Amino acid sequence: MTHRAELLWFRDCPNHEEARRLLHEVIDAIAPGTPIEDIDATHPDVADQVRFPGSPTIRVDGRDVDPQFADPGDYTPRCRIYWTAQGMRGLPERSWIEQALK
């Protein structure tokens, strides 16, 4: 099965480069060749169009990798915080990305 991954981010996010590296690592290990659509949601119009919940956001096949994701309905470009097993973090858990690609 071929997947499609998206990395959504905005320019002032300190975590989007690390999210990009993590996404590439997981894809190389789990689903080599999976294309990544890199979406700069810095402009509010783009953020609204792609329903941007914050930076960084990783989606696989159109679904957020966070298993507890709830659409906030507000797509203002901003940083995103994830509730992980280690507490609040600026990146999703690696295992969430792995599960989304399996």
PDB file of N, CA and C in Angstrom:
ATOM      1  N   MET A   1       0.836  -1.186   0.000  1.00  0.00           N
ATOM      2  CA  MET A   1       0.000   0.000   0.000  1.00  0.00           C
ATOM      3  C   MET A   1       0.877   1.244   0.000  1.00  0.00           C
ATOM      4  N   THR A   2       0.571   2.162  -0.878  1.00  0.00           N
ATOM      5  CA  THR A   2       1.317   3.413  -0.946  1.00  0.00           C
ATOM      6  C   THR A   2       0.626   4.461  -0.083  1.00  0.00           C
ATOM      7  N   HIS A   3       1.418   5.100   0.741  1.00  0.00           N
ATOM      8  CA  HIS A   3       0.899   6.160   1.608  1.00  0.00           C
ATOM      9  C   HIS A   3       1.307   7.521   1.049  1.00  0.00           C
ATOM     10  N   ARG A   4       0.696   8.546   1.624  1.00  0.00           N
ATOM     11  CA  ARG A   4       1.058   9.924   1.315  1.00  0.00           C
ATOM     12  C   ARG A   4       1.183  10.642   2.652  1.00  0.00           C
ATOM     13  N   ALA A   5       2.310  11.284   2.867  1.00  0.00           N
ATOM     14  CA  ALA A   5       2.550  12.012   4.112  1.00  0.00           C
ATOM     15  C   ALA A   5       2.562  13.517   3.836  1.00  0.00           C
ATOM     16  N   GLU A   6       2.129  14.265   4.834  1.00  0.00           N
ATOM     17  CA  GLU A   6       2.173  15.724   4.761  1.00  0.00           C
ATOM     18  C   GLU A   6       2.893  16.240   6.004  1.00  0.00           C
ATOM     19  N   LEU A   7       3.741  17.231   5.800  1.00  0.00           N
ATOM     20  CA  LEU A   7       4.345  17.964   6.902  1.00  0.00           C
ATOM     21  C   LEU A   7       3.889  19.396   6.759  1.00  0.00           C
ATOM     22  N   LEU A   8       3.105  19.845   7.732  1.00  0.00           N
ATOM     23  CA  LEU A   8       2.602  21.218   7.731  1.00  0.00           C
ATOM     24  C   LEU A   8       3.343  21.986   8.815  1.00  0.00           C
ATOM     25  N   TRP A   9       3.763  23.194   8.491  1.00  0.00           N
ATOM     26  CA  TRP A   9       4.580  23.970   9.419  1.00  0.00           C
ATOM     27  C   TRP A   9       4.420  25.455   9.138  1.00  0.00           C
ATOM     28  N   PHE A  10       4.936  26.278  10.056  1.00  0.00           N
ATOM     29  CA  PHE A  10       5.041  27.704   9.762  1.00  0.00           C
ATOM     30  C   PHE A  10       6.423  28.201  10.151  1.00  0.00           C
ATOM     31  N   ARG A  11       6.804  29.266   9.525  1.00  0.00           N
ATOM     32  CA  ARG A  11       8.189  29.764   9.560  1.00  0.00           C
ATOM     33  C   ARG A  11       8.752  29.948  10.967  1.00  0.00           C
ATOM     34  N   ASP A  12       7.973  30.423  11.925  1.00  0.00           N
ATOM     35  CA  ASP A  12       8.498  30.725  13.254  1.00  0.00           C
ATOM     36  C   ASP A  12       8.517  29.530  14.200  1.00  0.00           C
ATOM     37  N   CYS A  13       8.164  28.366  13.719  1.00  0.00           N
ATOM     38  CA  CYS A  13       8.151  27.172  14.561  1.00  0.00           C
ATOM     39  C   CYS A  13       9.561  26.641  14.774  1.00  0.00           C
ATOM     40  N   PRO A  14       9.986  26.488  16.035  1.00  0.00           N
ATOM     41  CA  PRO A  14      11.325  25.954  16.280  1.00  0.00           C
ATOM     42  C   PRO A  14      11.415  24.436  16.100  1.00  0.00           C
ATOM     43  N   ASN A  15      10.288  23.763  15.894  1.00  0.00           N
ATOM     44  CA  ASN A  15      10.290  22.301  15.859  1.00  0.00           C
ATOM     45  C   ASN A  15      10.092  21.696  14.477  1.00  0.00           C
ATOM     46  N   HIS A  16       9.834  22.504  13.468  1.00  0.00           N
ATOM     47  CA  HIS A  16       9.476  21.894  12.184  1.00  0.00           C
ATOM     48  C   HIS A  16      10.650  21.180  11.503  1.00  0.00           C
ATOM     49  N   GLU A  17      11.853  21.643  11.684  1.00  0.00           N
ATOM     50  CA  GLU A  17      12.995  20.948  11.073  1.00  0.00           C
ATOM     51  C   GLU A  17      13.211  19.585  11.731  1.00  0.00           C
ATOM     52  N   GLU A  18      13.062  19.523  13.038  1.00  0.00           N
ATOM     53  CA  GLU A  18      13.184  18.244  13.742  1.00  0.00           C
ATOM     54  C   GLU A  18      12.051  17.305  13.332  1.00  0.00           C
ATOM     55  N   ALA A  19      10.862  17.842  13.137  1.00  0.00           N
ATOM     56  CA  ALA A  19       9.739  17.020  12.676  1.00  0.00           C
ATOM     57  C   ALA A  19      10.020  16.466  11.277  1.00  0.00           C
ATOM     58  N   ARG A  20      10.616  17.273  10.418  1.00  0.00           N
ATOM     59  CA  ARG A  20      10.959  16.826   9.061  1.00  0.00           C
ATOM     60  C   ARG A  20      11.968  15.669   9.132  1.00  0.00           C
ATOM     61  N   ARG A  21      12.987  15.828   9.966  1.00  0.00           N
ATOM     62  CA  ARG A  21      13.995  14.779  10.129  1.00  0.00           C
ATOM     63  C   ARG A  21      13.350  13.493  10.660  1.00  0.00           C
ATOM     64  N   LEU A  22      12.500  13.619  11.672  1.00  0.00           N
ATOM     65  CA  LEU A  22      11.824  12.467  12.253  1.00  0.00           C
ATOM     66  C   LEU A  22      10.943  11.766  11.225  1.00  0.00           C
ATOM     67  N   LEU A  23      10.194  12.531  10.466  1.00  0.00           N
ATOM     68  CA  LEU A  23       9.323  11.955   9.445  1.00  0.00           C
ATOM     69  C   LEU A  23      10.132  11.191   8.395  1.00  0.00           C
ATOM     70  N   HIS A  24      11.230  11.772   7.944  1.00  0.00           N
ATOM     71  CA  HIS A  24      12.095  11.084   6.965  1.00  0.00           C
ATOM     72  C   HIS A  24      12.664   9.789   7.548  1.00  0.00           C
ATOM     73  N   GLU A  25      13.100   9.826   8.807  1.00  0.00           N
ATOM     74  CA  GLU A  25      13.646   8.630   9.465  1.00  0.00           C
ATOM     75  C   GLU A  25      12.614   7.509   9.513  1.00  0.00           C
ATOM     76  N   VAL A  26      11.403   7.851   9.938  1.00  0.00           N
ATOM     77  CA  VAL A  26      10.359   6.834  10.077  1.00  0.00           C
ATOM     78  C   VAL A  26       9.962   6.291   8.706  1.00  0.00           C
ATOM     79  N   ILE A  27       9.830   7.158   7.733  1.00  0.00           N
ATOM     80  CA  ILE A  27       9.486   6.694   6.384  1.00  0.00           C
ATOM     81  C   ILE A  27      10.567   5.765   5.846  1.00  0.00           C
ATOM     82  N   ASP A  28      11.819   6.122   6.013  1.00  0.00           N
ATOM     83  CA  ASP A  28      12.914   5.264   5.537  1.00  0.00           C
ATOM     84  C   ASP A  28      12.865   3.883   6.180  1.00  0.00           C
ATOM     85  N   ALA A  29      12.459   3.824   7.455  1.00  0.00           N
ATOM     86  CA  ALA A  29      12.420   2.557   8.182  1.00  0.00           C
ATOM     87  C   ALA A  29      11.151   1.747   7.925  1.00  0.00           C
ATOM     88  N   ILE A  30      10.019   2.414   7.775  1.00  0.00           N
ATOM     89  CA  ILE A  30       8.717   1.730   7.726  1.00  0.00           C
ATOM     90  C   ILE A  30       8.128   1.655   6.318  1.00  0.00           C
ATOM     91  N   ALA A  31       8.234   2.754   5.574  1.00  0.00           N
ATOM     92  CA  ALA A  31       7.556   2.828   4.265  1.00  0.00           C
ATOM     93  C   ALA A  31       8.409   3.597   3.266  1.00  0.00           C
ATOM     94  N   PRO A  32       9.573   3.028   2.886  1.00  0.00           N
ATOM     95  CA  PRO A  32      10.459   3.726   1.958  1.00  0.00           C
ATOM     96  C   PRO A  32       9.732   4.141   0.678  1.00  0.00           C
ATOM     97  N   GLY A  33      10.049   5.330   0.226  1.00  0.00           N
ATOM     98  CA  GLY A  33       9.455   5.837  -1.010  1.00  0.00           C
ATOM     99  C   GLY A  33       8.171   6.607  -0.814  1.00  0.00           C
ATOM    100  N   THR A  34       7.663   6.651   0.414  1.00  0.00           N
ATOM    101  CA  THR A  34       6.449   7.422   0.670  1.00  0.00           C
ATOM    102  C   THR A  34       6.717   8.891   0.387  1.00  0.00           C
ATOM    103  N   PRO A  35       5.924   9.503  -0.496  1.00  0.00           N
ATOM    104  CA  PRO A  35       6.138  10.916  -0.786  1.00  0.00           C
ATOM    105  C   PRO A  35       5.706  11.802   0.386  1.00  0.00           C
ATOM    106  N   ILE A  36       6.412  12.895   0.559  1.00  0.00           N
ATOM    107  CA  ILE A  36       6.088  13.871   1.597  1.00  0.00           C
ATOM    108  C   ILE A  36       5.721  15.186   0.920  1.00  0.00           C
ATOM    109  N   GLU A  37       4.542  15.671   1.215  1.00  0.00           N
ATOM    110  CA  GLU A  37       4.142  16.996   0.751  1.00  0.00           C
ATOM    111  C   GLU A  37       4.510  17.980   1.848  1.00  0.00           C
ATOM    112  N   ASP A  38       5.379  18.899   1.534  1.00  0.00           N
ATOM    113  CA  ASP A  38       5.882  19.894   2.472  1.00  0.00           C
ATOM    114  C   ASP A  38       5.018  21.143   2.323  1.00  0.00           C
ATOM    115  N   ILE A  39       4.264  21.501   3.370  1.00  0.00           N
ATOM    116  CA  ILE A  39       3.307  22.598   3.270  1.00  0.00           C
ATOM    117  C   ILE A  39       3.671  23.702   4.241  1.00  0.00           C
ATOM    118  N   ASP A  40       4.070  24.841   3.694  1.00  0.00           N
ATOM    119  CA  ASP A  40       4.362  26.030   4.489  1.00  0.00           C
ATOM    120  C   ASP A  40       3.037  26.755   4.727  1.00  0.00           C
ATOM    121  N   ALA A  41       2.552  26.687   5.958  1.00  0.00           N
ATOM    122  CA  ALA A  41       1.270  27.309   6.311  1.00  0.00           C
ATOM    123  C   ALA A  41       1.476  28.624   7.049  1.00  0.00           C
ATOM    124  N   THR A  42       2.568  29.313   6.737  1.00  0.00           N
ATOM    125  CA  THR A  42       2.857  30.587   7.383  1.00  0.00           C
ATOM    126  C   THR A  42       1.798  31.633   7.044  1.00  0.00           C
ATOM    127  N   HIS A  43       1.341  31.655   5.807  1.00  0.00           N
ATOM    128  CA  HIS A  43       0.318  32.626   5.405  1.00  0.00           C
ATOM    129  C   HIS A  43      -1.048  32.161   5.906  1.00  0.00           C
ATOM    130  N   PRO A  44      -1.809  33.028   6.556  1.00  0.00           N
ATOM    131  CA  PRO A  44      -3.115  32.654   7.103  1.00  0.00           C
ATOM    132  C   PRO A  44      -4.076  32.041   6.085  1.00  0.00           C
ATOM    133  N   ASP A  45      -4.030  32.477   4.835  1.00  0.00           N
ATOM    134  CA  ASP A  45      -4.921  31.906   3.825  1.00  0.00           C
ATOM    135  C   ASP A  45      -4.592  30.439   3.561  1.00  0.00           C
ATOM    136  N   VAL A  46      -3.295  30.125   3.505  1.00  0.00           N
ATOM    137  CA  VAL A  46      -2.869  28.733   3.314  1.00  0.00           C
ATOM    138  C   VAL A  46      -3.251  27.916   4.549  1.00  0.00           C
ATOM    139  N   ALA A  47      -2.989  28.464   5.731  1.00  0.00           N
ATOM    140  CA  ALA A  47      -3.315  27.763   6.978  1.00  0.00           C
ATOM    141  C   ALA A  47      -4.803  27.407   7.023  1.00  0.00           C
ATOM    142  N   ASP A  48      -5.636  28.329   6.642  1.00  0.00           N
ATOM    143  CA  ASP A  48      -7.080  28.087   6.637  1.00  0.00           C
ATOM    144  C   ASP A  48      -7.449  27.026   5.600  1.00  0.00           C
ATOM    145  N   GLN A  49      -6.868  27.133   4.424  1.00  0.00           N
ATOM    146  CA  GLN A  49      -7.177  26.205   3.336  1.00  0.00           C
ATOM    147  C   GLN A  49      -6.838  24.757   3.697  1.00  0.00           C
ATOM    148  N   VAL A  50      -5.711  24.552   4.392  1.00  0.00           N
ATOM    149  CA  VAL A  50      -5.284  23.189   4.728  1.00  0.00           C
ATOM    150  C   VAL A  50      -5.718  22.761   6.135  1.00  0.00           C
ATOM    151  N   ARG A  51      -6.523  23.615   6.794  1.00  0.00           N
ATOM    152  CA  ARG A  51      -7.029  23.312   8.145  1.00  0.00           C
ATOM    153  C   ARG A  51      -5.859  23.004   9.096  1.00  0.00           C
ATOM    154  N   PHE A  52      -4.979  23.985   9.204  1.00  0.00           N
ATOM    155  CA  PHE A  52      -3.706  23.869   9.912  1.00  0.00           C
ATOM    156  C   PHE A  52      -3.898  23.999  11.430  1.00  0.00           C
ATOM    157  N   PRO A  53      -3.678  22.907  12.194  1.00  0.00           N
ATOM    158  CA  PRO A  53      -3.867  22.983  13.639  1.00  0.00           C
ATOM    159  C   PRO A  53      -2.641  23.443  14.426  1.00  0.00           C
ATOM    160  N   GLY A  54      -1.549  23.709  13.736  1.00  0.00           N
ATOM    161  CA  GLY A  54      -0.333  24.167  14.403  1.00  0.00           C
ATOM    162  C   GLY A  54       0.889  23.446  13.866  1.00  0.00           C
ATOM    163  N   SER A  55       2.042  24.011  14.189  1.00  0.00           N
ATOM    164  CA  SER A  55       3.301  23.532  13.636  1.00  0.00           C
ATOM    165  C   SER A  55       4.149  22.871  14.707  1.00  0.00           C
ATOM    166  N   PRO A  56       4.682  21.698  14.376  1.00  0.00           N
ATOM    167  CA  PRO A  56       4.516  20.946  13.146  1.00  0.00           C
ATOM    168  C   PRO A  56       3.311  20.005  13.228  1.00  0.00           C
ATOM    169  N   THR A  57       2.713  19.758  12.085  1.00  0.00           N
ATOM    170  CA  THR A  57       1.644  18.766  11.981  1.00  0.00           C
ATOM    171  C   THR A  57       2.074  17.738  10.946  1.00  0.00           C
ATOM    172  N   ILE A  58       1.898  16.480  11.286  1.00  0.00           N
ATOM    173  CA  ILE A  58       2.186  15.391  10.351  1.00  0.00           C
ATOM    174  C   ILE A  58       0.886  14.632  10.118  1.00  0.00           C
ATOM    175  N   ARG A  59       0.561  14.472   8.845  1.00  0.00           N
ATOM    176  CA  ARG A  59      -0.608  13.690   8.459  1.00  0.00           C
ATOM    177  C   ARG A  59      -0.157  12.566   7.536  1.00  0.00           C
ATOM    178  N   VAL A  60      -0.798  11.422   7.673  1.00  0.00           N
ATOM    179  CA  VAL A  60      -0.568  10.297   6.767  1.00  0.00           C
ATOM    180  C   VAL A  60      -1.918   9.938   6.158  1.00  0.00           C
ATOM    181  N   ASP A  61      -1.962   9.958   4.847  1.00  0.00           N
ATOM    182  CA  ASP A  61      -3.197   9.680   4.115  1.00  0.00           C
ATOM    183  C   ASP A  61      -4.336  10.589   4.580  1.00  0.00           C
ATOM    184  N   GLY A  62      -3.980  11.850   4.870  1.00  0.00           N
ATOM    185  CA  GLY A  62      -4.970  12.853   5.239  1.00  0.00           C
ATOM    186  C   GLY A  62      -5.382  12.864   6.699  1.00  0.00           C
ATOM    187  N   ARG A  63      -4.823  11.942   7.497  1.00  0.00           N
ATOM    188  CA  ARG A  63      -5.192  11.857   8.915  1.00  0.00           C
ATOM    189  C   ARG A  63      -4.022  12.272   9.797  1.00  0.00           C
ATOM    190  N   ASP A  64      -4.332  13.067  10.806  1.00  0.00           N
ATOM    191  CA  ASP A  64      -3.325  13.484  11.771  1.00  0.00           C
ATOM    192  C   ASP A  64      -2.764  12.250  12.473  1.00  0.00           C
ATOM    193  N   VAL A  65      -1.445  12.225  12.711  1.00  0.00           N
ATOM    194  CA  VAL A  65      -0.834  11.064  13.363  1.00  0.00           C
ATOM    195  C   VAL A  65      -1.153  10.980  14.852  1.00  0.00           C
ATOM    196  N   ASP A  66      -1.560  12.079  15.454  1.00  0.00           N
ATOM    197  CA  ASP A  66      -1.917  12.081  16.877  1.00  0.00           C
ATOM    198  C   ASP A  66      -3.224  11.311  17.058  1.00  0.00           C
ATOM    199  N   PRO A  67      -3.196  10.180  17.769  1.00  0.00           N
ATOM    200  CA  PRO A  67      -4.415   9.387  17.914  1.00  0.00           C
ATOM    201  C   PRO A  67      -5.528  10.107  18.692  1.00  0.00           C
ATOM    202  N   GLN A  68      -5.183  11.158  19.421  1.00  0.00           N
ATOM    203  CA  GLN A  68      -6.172  11.913  20.196  1.00  0.00           C
ATOM    204  C   GLN A  68      -6.552  13.230  19.516  1.00  0.00           C
ATOM    205  N   PHE A  69      -6.169  13.394  18.252  1.00  0.00           N
ATOM    206  CA  PHE A  69      -6.390  14.662  17.559  1.00  0.00           C
ATOM    207  C   PHE A  69      -7.868  15.037  17.502  1.00  0.00           C
ATOM    208  N   ALA A  70      -8.124  16.296  17.825  1.00  0.00           N
ATOM    209  CA  ALA A  70      -9.451  16.889  17.664  1.00  0.00           C
ATOM    210  C   ALA A  70      -9.247  18.209  16.939  1.00  0.00           C
ATOM    211  N   ASP A  71      -9.916  18.376  15.826  1.00  0.00           N
ATOM    212  CA  ASP A  71      -9.770  19.595  15.024  1.00  0.00           C
ATOM    213  C   ASP A  71     -10.146  20.801  15.875  1.00  0.00           C
ATOM    214  N   PRO A  72      -9.209  21.774  16.025  1.00  0.00           N
ATOM    215  CA  PRO A  72      -9.492  22.930  16.877  1.00  0.00           C
ATOM    216  C   PRO A  72     -10.444  23.934  16.240  1.00  0.00           C
ATOM    217  N   GLY A  73     -10.595  23.869  14.916  1.00  0.00           N
ATOM    218  CA  GLY A  73     -11.458  24.826  14.231  1.00  0.00           C
ATOM    219  C   GLY A  73     -10.833  26.204  14.075  1.00  0.00           C
ATOM    220  N   ASP A  74      -9.648  26.397  14.624  1.00  0.00           N
ATOM    221  CA  ASP A  74      -8.904  27.651  14.503  1.00  0.00           C
ATOM    222  C   ASP A  74      -7.595  27.304  13.812  1.00  0.00           C
ATOM    223  N   TYR A  75      -7.352  27.920  12.659  1.00  0.00           N
ATOM    224  CA  TYR A  75      -6.206  27.544  11.850  1.00  0.00           C
ATOM    225  C   TYR A  75      -5.161  28.652  11.756  1.00  0.00           C
ATOM    226  N   THR A  76      -5.101  29.478  12.778  1.00  0.00           N
ATOM    227  CA  THR A  76      -4.106  30.540  12.857  1.00  0.00           C
ATOM    228  C   THR A  76      -2.709  29.927  12.922  1.00  0.00           C
ATOM    229  N   PRO A  77      -1.775  30.380  12.085  1.00  0.00           N
ATOM    230  CA  PRO A  77      -0.408  29.845  12.162  1.00  0.00           C
ATOM    231  C   PRO A  77       0.180  30.036  13.564  1.00  0.00           C
ATOM    232  N   ARG A  78       0.604  28.914  14.152  1.00  0.00           N
ATOM    233  CA  ARG A  78       1.143  28.921  15.514  1.00  0.00           C
ATOM    234  C   ARG A  78       1.853  27.594  15.775  1.00  0.00           C
ATOM    235  N   CYS A  79       2.550  27.527  16.900  1.00  0.00           N
ATOM    236  CA  CYS A  79       3.189  26.285  17.312  1.00  0.00           C
ATOM    237  C   CYS A  79       2.138  25.317  17.847  1.00  0.00           C
ATOM    238  N   ARG A  80       2.465  24.051  17.775  1.00  0.00           N
ATOM    239  CA  ARG A  80       1.563  23.017  18.262  1.00  0.00           C
ATOM    240  C   ARG A  80       2.225  22.259  19.404  1.00  0.00           C
ATOM    241  N   ILE A  81       1.438  21.921  20.397  1.00  0.00           N
ATOM    242  CA  ILE A  81       1.909  21.133  21.530  1.00  0.00           C
ATOM    243  C   ILE A  81       1.179  19.790  21.504  1.00  0.00           C
ATOM    244  N   TYR A  82       1.934  18.717  21.711  1.00  0.00           N
ATOM    245  CA  TYR A  82       1.378  17.372  21.742  1.00  0.00           C
ATOM    246  C   TYR A  82       1.407  16.839  23.170  1.00  0.00           C
ATOM    247  N   TRP A  83       0.345  16.150  23.553  1.00  0.00           N
ATOM    248  CA  TRP A  83       0.298  15.461  24.842  1.00  0.00           C
ATOM    249  C   TRP A  83       0.826  14.054  24.612  1.00  0.00           C
ATOM    250  N   THR A  84       2.070  13.816  25.019  1.00  0.00           N
ATOM    251  CA  THR A  84       2.724  12.532  24.784  1.00  0.00           C
ATOM    252  C   THR A  84       2.881  11.778  26.101  1.00  0.00           C
ATOM    253  N   ALA A  85       3.382  10.561  26.015  1.00  0.00           N
ATOM    254  CA  ALA A  85       3.650   9.775  27.209  1.00  0.00           C
ATOM    255  C   ALA A  85       4.705  10.445  28.091  1.00  0.00           C
ATOM    256  N   GLN A  86       5.536  11.295  27.495  1.00  0.00           N
ATOM    257  CA  GLN A  86       6.575  12.006  28.242  1.00  0.00           C
ATOM    258  C   GLN A  86       6.115  13.395  28.690  1.00  0.00           C
ATOM    259  N   GLY A  87       4.863  13.726  28.485  1.00  0.00           N
ATOM    260  CA  GLY A  87       4.341  15.047  28.841  1.00  0.00           C
ATOM    261  C   GLY A  87       4.134  15.893  27.592  1.00  0.00           C
ATOM    262  N   MET A  88       4.009  17.201  27.778  1.00  0.00           N
ATOM    263  CA  MET A  88       3.792  18.104  26.645  1.00  0.00           C
ATOM    264  C   MET A  88       5.085  18.258  25.862  1.00  0.00           C
ATOM    265  N   ARG A  89       4.983  18.088  24.543  1.00  0.00           N
ATOM    266  CA  ARG A  89       6.147  18.175  23.659  1.00  0.00           C
ATOM    267  C   ARG A  89       5.778  18.933  22.388  1.00  0.00           C
ATOM    268  N   GLY A  90       6.783  19.411  21.700  1.00  0.00           N
ATOM    269  CA  GLY A  90       6.590  20.138  20.452  1.00  0.00           C
ATOM    270  C   GLY A  90       6.634  19.247  19.221  1.00  0.00           C
ATOM    271  N   LEU A  91       6.743  17.925  19.436  1.00  0.00           N
ATOM    272  CA  LEU A  91       6.774  16.952  18.344  1.00  0.00           C
ATOM    273  C   LEU A  91       5.844  15.796  18.672  1.00  0.00           C
ATOM    274  N   PRO A  92       5.267  15.187  17.644  1.00  0.00           N
ATOM    275  CA  PRO A  92       4.479  13.980  17.901  1.00  0.00           C
ATOM    276  C   PRO A  92       5.403  12.824  18.266  1.00  0.00           C
ATOM    277  N   GLU A  93       4.843  11.801  18.881  1.00  0.00           N
ATOM    278  CA  GLU A  93       5.632  10.625  19.216  1.00  0.00           C
ATOM    279  C   GLU A  93       5.990   9.860  17.945  1.00  0.00           C
ATOM    280  N   ARG A  94       7.192   9.351  17.914  1.00  0.00           N
ATOM    281  CA  ARG A  94       7.650   8.552  16.776  1.00  0.00           C
ATOM    282  C   ARG A  94       6.699   7.379  16.520  1.00  0.00           C
ATOM    283  N   SER A  95       6.243   6.746  17.593  1.00  0.00           N
ATOM    284  CA  SER A  95       5.367   5.574  17.456  1.00  0.00           C
ATOM    285  C   SER A  95       4.047   5.934  16.760  1.00  0.00           C
ATOM    286  N   TRP A  96       3.574   7.162  16.912  1.00  0.00           N
ATOM    287  CA  TRP A  96       2.342   7.579  16.226  1.00  0.00           C
ATOM    288  C   TRP A  96       2.558   7.591  14.713  1.00  0.00           C
ATOM    289  N   ILE A  97       3.715   8.073  14.293  1.00  0.00           N
ATOM    290  CA  ILE A  97       4.028   8.129  12.850  1.00  0.00           C
ATOM    291  C   ILE A  97       4.191   6.699  12.331  1.00  0.00           C
ATOM    292  N   GLU A  98       4.893   5.881  13.103  1.00  0.00           N
ATOM    293  CA  GLU A  98       5.081   4.487  12.695  1.00  0.00           C
ATOM    294  C   GLU A  98       3.734   3.792  12.532  1.00  0.00           C
ATOM    295  N   GLN A  99       2.848   3.969  13.490  1.00  0.00           N
ATOM    296  CA  GLN A  99       1.530   3.324  13.431  1.00  0.00           C
ATOM    297  C   GLN A  99       0.727   3.819  12.225  1.00  0.00           C
ATOM    298  N   ALA A 100       0.806   5.093  11.939  1.00  0.00           N
ATOM    299  CA  ALA A 100       0.063   5.655  10.810  1.00  0.00           C
ATOM    300  C   ALA A 100       0.547   5.086   9.479  1.00  0.00           C
ATOM    301  N   LEU A 101       1.822   4.710   9.423  1.00  0.00           N
ATOM    302  CA  LEU A 101       2.390   4.182   8.176  1.00  0.00           C
ATOM    303  C   LEU A 101       2.249   2.668   8.031  1.00  0.00           C
ATOM    304  N   LYS A 102       1.787   2.000   9.080  1.00  0.00           N
ATOM    305  CA  LYS A 102       1.641   0.533   9.019  1.00  0.00           C
ATOM    306  C   LYS A 102       0.277   0.137   8.511  1.00  0.00           C
TER     307      LYS A 102
END
